[in-house]
PDB file of all heavy atoms in Angstrom:
ATOM      1  N   THR A   1       0.812  -1.224   0.000  1.00  0.00           N
ATOM      2  CA  THR A   1       0.000   0.000   0.000  1.00  0.00           C
ATOM      3  C   THR A   1       0.843   1.271   0.000  1.00  0.00           C
ATOM      4  O   THR A   1       0.312   2.351  -0.269  1.00  0.00           O
ATOM      5  CB  THR A   1      -0.919   0.014   1.231  1.00  0.00           C
ATOM      6  OG1 THR A   1      -0.123  -0.169   2.411  1.00  0.00           O
ATOM      7  CG2 THR A   1      -1.942  -1.109   1.155  1.00  0.00           C
ATOM      8  N   ALA A   2       2.123   1.182   0.302  1.00  0.00           N
ATOM      9  CA  ALA A   2       2.979   2.369   0.368  1.00  0.00           C
ATOM     10  C   ALA A   2       3.186   2.969  -1.022  1.00  0.00           C
ATOM     11  O   ALA A   2       3.197   2.259  -2.031  1.00  0.00           O
ATOM     12  CB  ALA A   2       4.329   2.009   0.987  1.00  0.00           C
ATOM     13  N   ASN A   3       3.369   4.286  -1.066  1.00  0.00           N
ATOM     14  CA  ASN A   3       3.502   4.993  -2.343  1.00  0.00           C
ATOM     15  C   ASN A   3       4.674   4.491  -3.185  1.00  0.00           C
ATOM     16  O   ASN A   3       4.620   4.526  -4.414  1.00  0.00           O
ATOM     17  CB  ASN A   3       3.655   6.500  -2.100  1.00  0.00           C
ATOM     18  CG  ASN A   3       2.346   7.155  -1.718  1.00  0.00           C
ATOM     19  OD1 ASN A   3       1.272   6.643  -2.053  1.00  0.00           O
ATOM     20  ND2 ASN A   3       2.412   8.264  -1.004  1.00  0.00           N
ATOM     21  N   VAL A   4       5.724   4.016  -2.536  1.00  0.00           N
ATOM     22  CA  VAL A   4       6.911   3.571  -3.271  1.00  0.00           C
ATOM     23  C   VAL A   4       6.586   2.421  -4.227  1.00  0.00           C
ATOM     24  O   VAL A   4       7.255   2.239  -5.249  1.00  0.00           O
ATOM     25  CB  VAL A   4       8.034   3.151  -2.291  1.00  0.00           C
ATOM     26  CG1 VAL A   4       7.636   1.903  -1.489  1.00  0.00           C
ATOM     27  CG2 VAL A   4       9.351   2.917  -3.027  1.00  0.00           C
ATOM     28  N   PHE A   5       5.522   1.677  -3.940  1.00  0.00           N
ATOM     29  CA  PHE A   5       5.146   0.536  -4.791  1.00  0.00           C
ATOM     30  C   PHE A   5       4.094   0.906  -5.837  1.00  0.00           C
ATOM     31  O   PHE A   5       3.675   0.052  -6.609  1.00  0.00           O
ATOM     32  CB  PHE A   5       4.611  -0.613  -3.925  1.00  0.00           C
ATOM     33  CG  PHE A   5       5.562  -1.066  -2.852  1.00  0.00           C
ATOM     34  CD1 PHE A   5       5.289  -0.823  -1.513  1.00  0.00           C
ATOM     35  CD2 PHE A   5       6.745  -1.716  -3.193  1.00  0.00           C
ATOM     36  CE1 PHE A   5       6.169  -1.237  -0.522  1.00  0.00           C
ATOM     37  CE2 PHE A   5       7.632  -2.128  -2.203  1.00  0.00           C
ATOM     38  CZ  PHE A   5       7.347  -1.883  -0.862  1.00  0.00           C
ATOM     39  N   ARG A   6       3.657   2.186  -5.845  1.00  0.00           N
ATOM     40  CA  ARG A   6       2.538   2.577  -6.713  1.00  0.00           C
ATOM     41  C   ARG A   6       2.886   3.718  -7.664  1.00  0.00           C
ATOM     42  O   ARG A   6       2.004   4.317  -8.271  1.00  0.00           O
ATOM     43  CB  ARG A   6       1.333   2.987  -5.853  1.00  0.00           C
ATOM     44  CG  ARG A   6       0.840   1.866  -4.936  1.00  0.00           C
ATOM     45  CD  ARG A   6      -0.447   2.256  -4.231  1.00  0.00           C
ATOM     46  NE  ARG A   6      -0.253   3.361  -3.319  1.00  0.00           N
ATOM     47  CZ  ARG A   6      -1.248   3.961  -2.658  1.00  0.00           C
ATOM     48  NH1 ARG A   6      -2.495   3.571  -2.836  1.00  0.00           N
ATOM     49  NH2 ARG A   6      -0.994   4.952  -1.834  1.00  0.00           N
ATOM     50  N   GLN A   7       4.150   4.010  -7.819  1.00  0.00           N
ATOM     51  CA  GLN A   7       4.570   5.140  -8.653  1.00  0.00           C
ATOM     52  C   GLN A   7       4.302   4.881 -10.139  1.00  0.00           C
ATOM     53  O   GLN A   7       4.377   3.738 -10.607  1.00  0.00           O
ATOM     54  CB  GLN A   7       6.057   5.408  -8.451  1.00  0.00           C
ATOM     55  CG  GLN A   7       6.435   5.797  -7.035  1.00  0.00           C
ATOM     56  CD  GLN A   7       5.847   7.128  -6.612  1.00  0.00           C
ATOM     57  OE1 GLN A   7       5.956   8.111  -7.341  1.00  0.00           O
ATOM     58  NE2 GLN A   7       5.215   7.156  -5.457  1.00  0.00           N
ATOM     59  N   ILE A   8       4.004   5.951 -10.879  1.00  0.00           N
ATOM     60  CA  ILE A   8       3.822   5.883 -12.329  1.00  0.00           C
ATOM     61  C   ILE A   8       4.677   6.977 -12.962  1.00  0.00           C
ATOM     62  O   ILE A   8       4.547   8.154 -12.611  1.00  0.00           O
ATOM     63  CB  ILE A   8       2.339   6.085 -12.726  1.00  0.00           C
ATOM     64  CG1 ILE A   8       1.454   5.022 -12.062  1.00  0.00           C
ATOM     65  CG2 ILE A   8       2.177   6.041 -14.258  1.00  0.00           C
ATOM     66  CD1 ILE A   8      -0.032   5.270 -12.254  1.00  0.00           C
ATOM     67  N   HIS A   9       5.554   6.581 -13.880  1.00  0.00           N
ATOM     68  CA  HIS A   9       6.432   7.539 -14.554  1.00  0.00           C
ATOM     69  C   HIS A   9       6.278   7.407 -16.069  1.00  0.00           C
ATOM     70  O   HIS A   9       6.118   6.300 -16.583  1.00  0.00           O
ATOM     71  CB  HIS A   9       7.893   7.295 -14.174  1.00  0.00           C
ATOM     72  CG  HIS A   9       8.165   7.366 -12.704  1.00  0.00           C
ATOM     73  ND1 HIS A   9       8.180   8.555 -12.002  1.00  0.00           N
ATOM     74  CD2 HIS A   9       8.421   6.389 -11.797  1.00  0.00           C
ATOM     75  CE1 HIS A   9       8.433   8.314 -10.737  1.00  0.00           C
ATOM     76  NE2 HIS A   9       8.581   7.009 -10.588  1.00  0.00           N
ATOM     77  N   VAL A  10       6.344   8.542 -16.751  1.00  0.00           N
ATOM     78  CA  VAL A  10       6.277   8.565 -18.212  1.00  0.00           C
ATOM     79  C   VAL A  10       7.626   9.002 -18.755  1.00  0.00           C
ATOM     80  O   VAL A  10       8.161  10.040 -18.358  1.00  0.00           O
ATOM     81  CB  VAL A  10       5.169   9.528 -18.709  1.00  0.00           C
ATOM     82  CG1 VAL A  10       5.115   9.517 -20.235  1.00  0.00           C
ATOM     83  CG2 VAL A  10       3.827   9.156 -18.114  1.00  0.00           C
ATOM     84  N   GLN A  11       8.200   8.193 -19.655  1.00  0.00           N
ATOM     85  CA  GLN A  11       9.468   8.511 -20.291  1.00  0.00           C
ATOM     86  C   GLN A  11       9.303   8.316 -21.791  1.00  0.00           C
ATOM     87  O   GLN A  11       9.289   7.181 -22.277  1.00  0.00           O
ATOM     88  CB  GLN A  11      10.586   7.605 -19.757  1.00  0.00           C
ATOM     89  CG  GLN A  11      10.871   7.792 -18.272  1.00  0.00           C
ATOM     90  CD  GLN A  11      11.969   6.859 -17.764  1.00  0.00           C
ATOM     91  OE1 GLN A  11      12.532   6.083 -18.517  1.00  0.00           O
ATOM     92  NE2 GLN A  11      12.263   6.947 -16.473  1.00  0.00           N
ATOM     93  N   ALA A  12       9.146   9.445 -22.506  1.00  0.00           N
ATOM     94  CA  ALA A  12       8.920   9.400 -23.956  1.00  0.00           C
ATOM     95  C   ALA A  12       7.685   8.536 -24.246  1.00  0.00           C
ATOM     96  O   ALA A  12       6.584   8.880 -23.817  1.00  0.00           O
ATOM     97  CB  ALA A  12      10.157   8.903 -24.691  1.00  0.00           C
ATOM     98  N   GLU A  13       7.855   7.407 -24.934  1.00  0.00           N
ATOM     99  CA  GLU A  13       6.712   6.556 -25.272  1.00  0.00           C
ATOM    100  C   GLU A  13       6.579   5.356 -24.334  1.00  0.00           C
ATOM    101  O   GLU A  13       5.884   4.389 -24.644  1.00  0.00           O
ATOM    102  CB  GLU A  13       6.838   6.085 -26.728  1.00  0.00           C
ATOM    103  CG  GLU A  13       6.747   7.240 -27.718  1.00  0.00           C
ATOM    104  CD  GLU A  13       7.069   6.828 -29.140  1.00  0.00           C
ATOM    105  OE1 GLU A  13       7.152   5.616 -29.415  1.00  0.00           O
ATOM    106  OE2 GLU A  13       7.237   7.728 -29.986  1.00  0.00           O
ATOM    107  N   GLN A  14       7.237   5.444 -23.208  1.00  0.00           N
ATOM    108  CA  GLN A  14       7.155   4.366 -22.222  1.00  0.00           C
ATOM    109  C   GLN A  14       6.477   4.840 -20.939  1.00  0.00           C
ATOM    110  O   GLN A  14       6.615   6.005 -20.549  1.00  0.00           O
ATOM    111  CB  GLN A  14       8.553   3.838 -21.872  1.00  0.00           C
ATOM    112  CG  GLN A  14       9.252   3.140 -23.025  1.00  0.00           C
ATOM    113  CD  GLN A  14      10.609   2.588 -22.625  1.00  0.00           C
ATOM    114  OE1 GLN A  14      11.091   2.821 -21.514  1.00  0.00           O
ATOM    115  NE2 GLN A  14      11.242   1.853 -23.520  1.00  0.00           N
ATOM    116  N   ILE A  15       5.754   3.917 -20.317  1.00  0.00           N
ATOM    117  CA  ILE A  15       5.214   4.154 -18.970  1.00  0.00           C
ATOM    118  C   ILE A  15       5.793   3.091 -18.061  1.00  0.00           C
ATOM    119  O   ILE A  15       5.723   1.893 -18.358  1.00  0.00           O
ATOM    120  CB  ILE A  15       3.681   4.113 -18.946  1.00  0.00           C
ATOM    121  CG1 ILE A  15       3.115   5.387 -19.578  1.00  0.00           C
ATOM    122  CG2 ILE A  15       3.154   3.943 -17.528  1.00  0.00           C
ATOM    123  CD1 ILE A  15       1.629   5.558 -19.436  1.00  0.00           C
ATOM    124  N   ILE A  16       6.386   3.551 -16.952  1.00  0.00           N
ATOM    125  CA  ILE A  16       6.908   2.633 -15.943  1.00  0.00           C
ATOM    126  C   ILE A  16       5.979   2.741 -14.742  1.00  0.00           C
ATOM    127  O   ILE A  16       5.847   3.810 -14.131  1.00  0.00           O
ATOM    128  CB  ILE A  16       8.356   2.972 -15.545  1.00  0.00           C
ATOM    129  CG1 ILE A  16       9.288   2.813 -16.762  1.00  0.00           C
ATOM    130  CG2 ILE A  16       8.828   2.070 -14.422  1.00  0.00           C
ATOM    131  CD1 ILE A  16       9.571   4.074 -17.505  1.00  0.00           C
ATOM    132  N   ALA A  17       5.317   1.633 -14.428  1.00  0.00           N
ATOM    133  CA  ALA A  17       4.300   1.639 -13.378  1.00  0.00           C
ATOM    134  C   ALA A  17       4.645   0.646 -12.282  1.00  0.00           C
ATOM    135  O   ALA A  17       5.053  -0.486 -12.552  1.00  0.00           O
ATOM    136  CB  ALA A  17       2.936   1.283 -13.976  1.00  0.00           C
ATOM    137  N   GLY A  18       4.460   1.075 -11.044  1.00  0.00           N
ATOM    138  CA  GLY A  18       4.658   0.181  -9.914  1.00  0.00           C
ATOM    139  C   GLY A  18       3.654  -0.960  -9.954  1.00  0.00           C
ATOM    140  O   GLY A  18       2.516  -0.787 -10.399  1.00  0.00           O
ATOM    141  N   GLY A  19       4.066  -2.126  -9.481  1.00  0.00           N
ATOM    142  CA  GLY A  19       3.186  -3.284  -9.511  1.00  0.00           C
ATOM    143  C   GLY A  19       1.904  -3.076  -8.737  1.00  0.00           C
ATOM    144  O   GLY A  19       0.859  -3.647  -9.070  1.00  0.00           O
ATOM    145  N   ALA A  20       1.947  -2.252  -7.686  1.00  0.00           N
ATOM    146  CA  ALA A  20       0.760  -2.007  -6.872  1.00  0.00           C
ATOM    147  C   ALA A  20      -0.080  -0.848  -7.387  1.00  0.00           C
ATOM    148  O   ALA A  20      -1.130  -0.538  -6.812  1.00  0.00           O
ATOM    149  CB  ALA A  20       1.162  -1.756  -5.420  1.00  0.00           C
ATOM    150  N   ALA A  21       0.359  -0.199  -8.468  1.00  0.00           N
ATOM    151  CA  ALA A  21      -0.429   0.898  -9.037  1.00  0.00           C
ATOM    152  C   ALA A  21      -1.749   0.365  -9.588  1.00  0.00           C
ATOM    153  O   ALA A  21      -1.810  -0.755 -10.092  1.00  0.00           O
ATOM    154  CB  ALA A  21       0.357   1.583 -10.156  1.00  0.00           C
ATOM    155  N   ARG A  22      -2.789   1.174  -9.473  1.00  0.00           N
ATOM    156  CA  ARG A  22      -4.092   0.776  -9.995  1.00  0.00           C
ATOM    157  C   ARG A  22      -4.036   0.801 -11.518  1.00  0.00           C
ATOM    158  O   ARG A  22      -3.614   1.778 -12.130  1.00  0.00           O
ATOM    159  CB  ARG A  22      -5.156   1.735  -9.466  1.00  0.00           C
ATOM    160  CG  ARG A  22      -6.576   1.270  -9.620  1.00  0.00           C
ATOM    161  CD  ARG A  22      -7.504   2.037  -8.696  1.00  0.00           C
ATOM    162  NE  ARG A  22      -7.303   3.476  -8.773  1.00  0.00           N
ATOM    163  CZ  ARG A  22      -7.868   4.267  -9.687  1.00  0.00           C
ATOM    164  NH1 ARG A  22      -8.654   3.751 -10.609  1.00  0.00           N
ATOM    165  NH2 ARG A  22      -7.642   5.572  -9.677  1.00  0.00           N
ATOM    166  N   LEU A  23      -4.455  -0.299 -12.149  1.00  0.00           N
ATOM    167  CA  LEU A  23      -4.392  -0.391 -13.608  1.00  0.00           C
ATOM    168  C   LEU A  23      -5.162   0.746 -14.270  1.00  0.00           C
ATOM    169  O   LEU A  23      -4.692   1.332 -15.252  1.00  0.00           O
ATOM    170  CB  LEU A  23      -4.941  -1.748 -14.078  1.00  0.00           C
ATOM    171  CG  LEU A  23      -4.925  -1.987 -15.589  1.00  0.00           C
ATOM    172  CD1 LEU A  23      -3.504  -1.940 -16.139  1.00  0.00           C
ATOM    173  CD2 LEU A  23      -5.587  -3.314 -15.921  1.00  0.00           C
ATOM    174  N   GLY A  24      -6.325   1.071 -13.735  1.00  0.00           N
ATOM    175  CA  GLY A  24      -7.131   2.148 -14.312  1.00  0.00           C
ATOM    176  C   GLY A  24      -6.398   3.479 -14.336  1.00  0.00           C
ATOM    177  O   GLY A  24      -6.530   4.257 -15.286  1.00  0.00           O
ATOM    178  N   ARG A  25      -5.595   3.742 -13.307  1.00  0.00           N
ATOM    179  CA  ARG A  25      -4.836   4.994 -13.256  1.00  0.00           C
ATOM    180  C   ARG A  25      -3.732   4.999 -14.303  1.00  0.00           C
ATOM    181  O   ARG A  25      -3.424   6.034 -14.906  1.00  0.00           O
ATOM    182  CB  ARG A  25      -4.251   5.189 -11.852  1.00  0.00           C
ATOM    183  CG  ARG A  25      -3.553   6.514 -11.677  1.00  0.00           C
ATOM    184  CD  ARG A  25      -3.347   6.892 -10.224  1.00  0.00           C
ATOM    185  NE  ARG A  25      -2.427   8.008 -10.133  1.00  0.00           N
ATOM    186  CZ  ARG A  25      -1.178   7.923  -9.697  1.00  0.00           C
ATOM    187  NH1 ARG A  25      -0.707   6.755  -9.306  1.00  0.00           N
ATOM    188  NH2 ARG A  25      -0.397   8.967  -9.644  1.00  0.00           N
ATOM    189  N   VAL A  26      -3.120   3.848 -14.540  1.00  0.00           N
ATOM    190  CA  VAL A  26      -2.083   3.753 -15.578  1.00  0.00           C
ATOM    191  C   VAL A  26      -2.700   3.999 -16.953  1.00  0.00           C
ATOM    192  O   VAL A  26      -2.126   4.708 -17.790  1.00  0.00           O
ATOM    193  CB  VAL A  26      -1.403   2.368 -15.534  1.00  0.00           C
ATOM    194  CG1 VAL A  26      -0.382   2.228 -16.669  1.00  0.00           C
ATOM    195  CG2 VAL A  26      -0.717   2.155 -14.191  1.00  0.00           C
ATOM    196  N   VAL A  27      -3.885   3.445 -17.189  1.00  0.00           N
ATOM    197  CA  VAL A  27      -4.582   3.638 -18.465  1.00  0.00           C
ATOM    198  C   VAL A  27      -4.887   5.112 -18.700  1.00  0.00           C
ATOM    199  O   VAL A  27      -4.615   5.661 -19.778  1.00  0.00           O
ATOM    200  CB  VAL A  27      -5.880   2.806 -18.502  1.00  0.00           C
ATOM    201  CG1 VAL A  27      -6.689   3.142 -19.751  1.00  0.00           C
ATOM    202  CG2 VAL A  27      -5.569   1.319 -18.467  1.00  0.00           C
ATOM    203  N   THR A  28      -5.450   5.786 -17.704  1.00  0.00           N
ATOM    204  CA  THR A  28      -5.802   7.196 -17.874  1.00  0.00           C
ATOM    205  C   THR A  28      -4.555   8.075 -17.995  1.00  0.00           C
ATOM    206  O   THR A  28      -4.567   9.070 -18.733  1.00  0.00           O
ATOM    207  CB  THR A  28      -6.679   7.692 -16.713  1.00  0.00           C
ATOM    208  OG1 THR A  28      -6.029   7.426 -15.460  1.00  0.00           O
ATOM    209  CG2 THR A  28      -8.033   7.001 -16.733  1.00  0.00           C
ATOM    210  N   THR A  29      -3.474   7.712 -17.317  1.00  0.00           N
ATOM    211  CA  THR A  29      -2.216   8.454 -17.454  1.00  0.00           C
ATOM    212  C   THR A  29      -1.700   8.359 -18.890  1.00  0.00           C
ATOM    213  O   THR A  29      -1.279   9.355 -19.488  1.00  0.00           O
ATOM    214  CB  THR A  29      -1.150   7.903 -16.487  1.00  0.00           C
ATOM    215  OG1 THR A  29      -1.594   8.075 -15.140  1.00  0.00           O
ATOM    216  CG2 THR A  29       0.179   8.621 -16.672  1.00  0.00           C
ATOM    217  N   ALA A  30      -1.746   7.152 -19.460  1.00  0.00           N
ATOM    218  CA  ALA A  30      -1.297   6.956 -20.834  1.00  0.00           C
ATOM    219  C   ALA A  30      -2.112   7.798 -21.803  1.00  0.00           C
ATOM    220  O   ALA A  30      -1.555   8.467 -22.691  1.00  0.00           O
ATOM    221  CB  ALA A  30      -1.398   5.477 -21.205  1.00  0.00           C
ATOM    222  N   VAL A  31      -3.416   7.788 -21.639  1.00  0.00           N
ATOM    223  CA  VAL A  31      -4.297   8.557 -22.535  1.00  0.00           C
ATOM    224  C   VAL A  31      -4.001  10.048 -22.409  1.00  0.00           C
ATOM    225  O   VAL A  31      -3.908  10.769 -23.408  1.00  0.00           O
ATOM    226  CB  VAL A  31      -5.778   8.243 -22.211  1.00  0.00           C
ATOM    227  CG1 VAL A  31      -6.698   9.252 -22.887  1.00  0.00           C
ATOM    228  CG2 VAL A  31      -6.118   6.823 -22.649  1.00  0.00           C
ATOM    229  N   HIS A  32      -3.858  10.528 -21.187  1.00  0.00           N
ATOM    230  CA  HIS A  32      -3.560  11.944 -20.949  1.00  0.00           C
ATOM    231  C   HIS A  32      -2.244  12.361 -21.620  1.00  0.00           C
ATOM    232  O   HIS A  32      -2.115  13.488 -22.120  1.00  0.00           O
ATOM    233  CB  HIS A  32      -3.490  12.208 -19.443  1.00  0.00           C
ATOM    234  CG  HIS A  32      -3.189  13.626 -19.096  1.00  0.00           C
ATOM    235  ND1 HIS A  32      -4.131  14.637 -19.184  1.00  0.00           N
ATOM    236  CD2 HIS A  32      -2.040  14.217 -18.664  1.00  0.00           C
ATOM    237  CE1 HIS A  32      -3.575  15.788 -18.828  1.00  0.00           C
ATOM    238  NE2 HIS A  32      -2.314  15.561 -18.505  1.00  0.00           N
ATOM    239  N   GLU A  33      -1.282  11.432 -21.668  1.00  0.00           N
ATOM    240  CA  GLU A  33       0.028  11.717 -22.260  1.00  0.00           C
ATOM    241  C   GLU A  33       0.057  11.453 -23.763  1.00  0.00           C
ATOM    242  O   GLU A  33       1.105  11.590 -24.396  1.00  0.00           O
ATOM    243  CB  GLU A  33       1.102  10.863 -21.570  1.00  0.00           C
ATOM    244  CG  GLU A  33       1.303  11.179 -20.095  1.00  0.00           C
ATOM    245  CD  GLU A  33       1.950  12.531 -19.871  1.00  0.00           C
ATOM    246  OE1 GLU A  33       2.674  13.005 -20.779  1.00  0.00           O
ATOM    247  OE2 GLU A  33       1.736  13.112 -18.800  1.00  0.00           O
ATOM    248  N   GLY A  34      -1.084  11.062 -24.352  1.00  0.00           N
ATOM    249  CA  GLY A  34      -1.131  10.791 -25.784  1.00  0.00           C
ATOM    250  C   GLY A  34      -0.437   9.508 -26.174  1.00  0.00           C
ATOM    251  O   GLY A  34       0.160   9.408 -27.247  1.00  0.00           O
TER     252      GLY A  34
END
């Protein structure tokens, strides 16, 4: 549950997501970043 396991980072055309990150949040982050 700690934030260190839920981070989401965008690097150019890549998204690096923590294993504990909510999948829905990763999807919306990708869309927001085009």
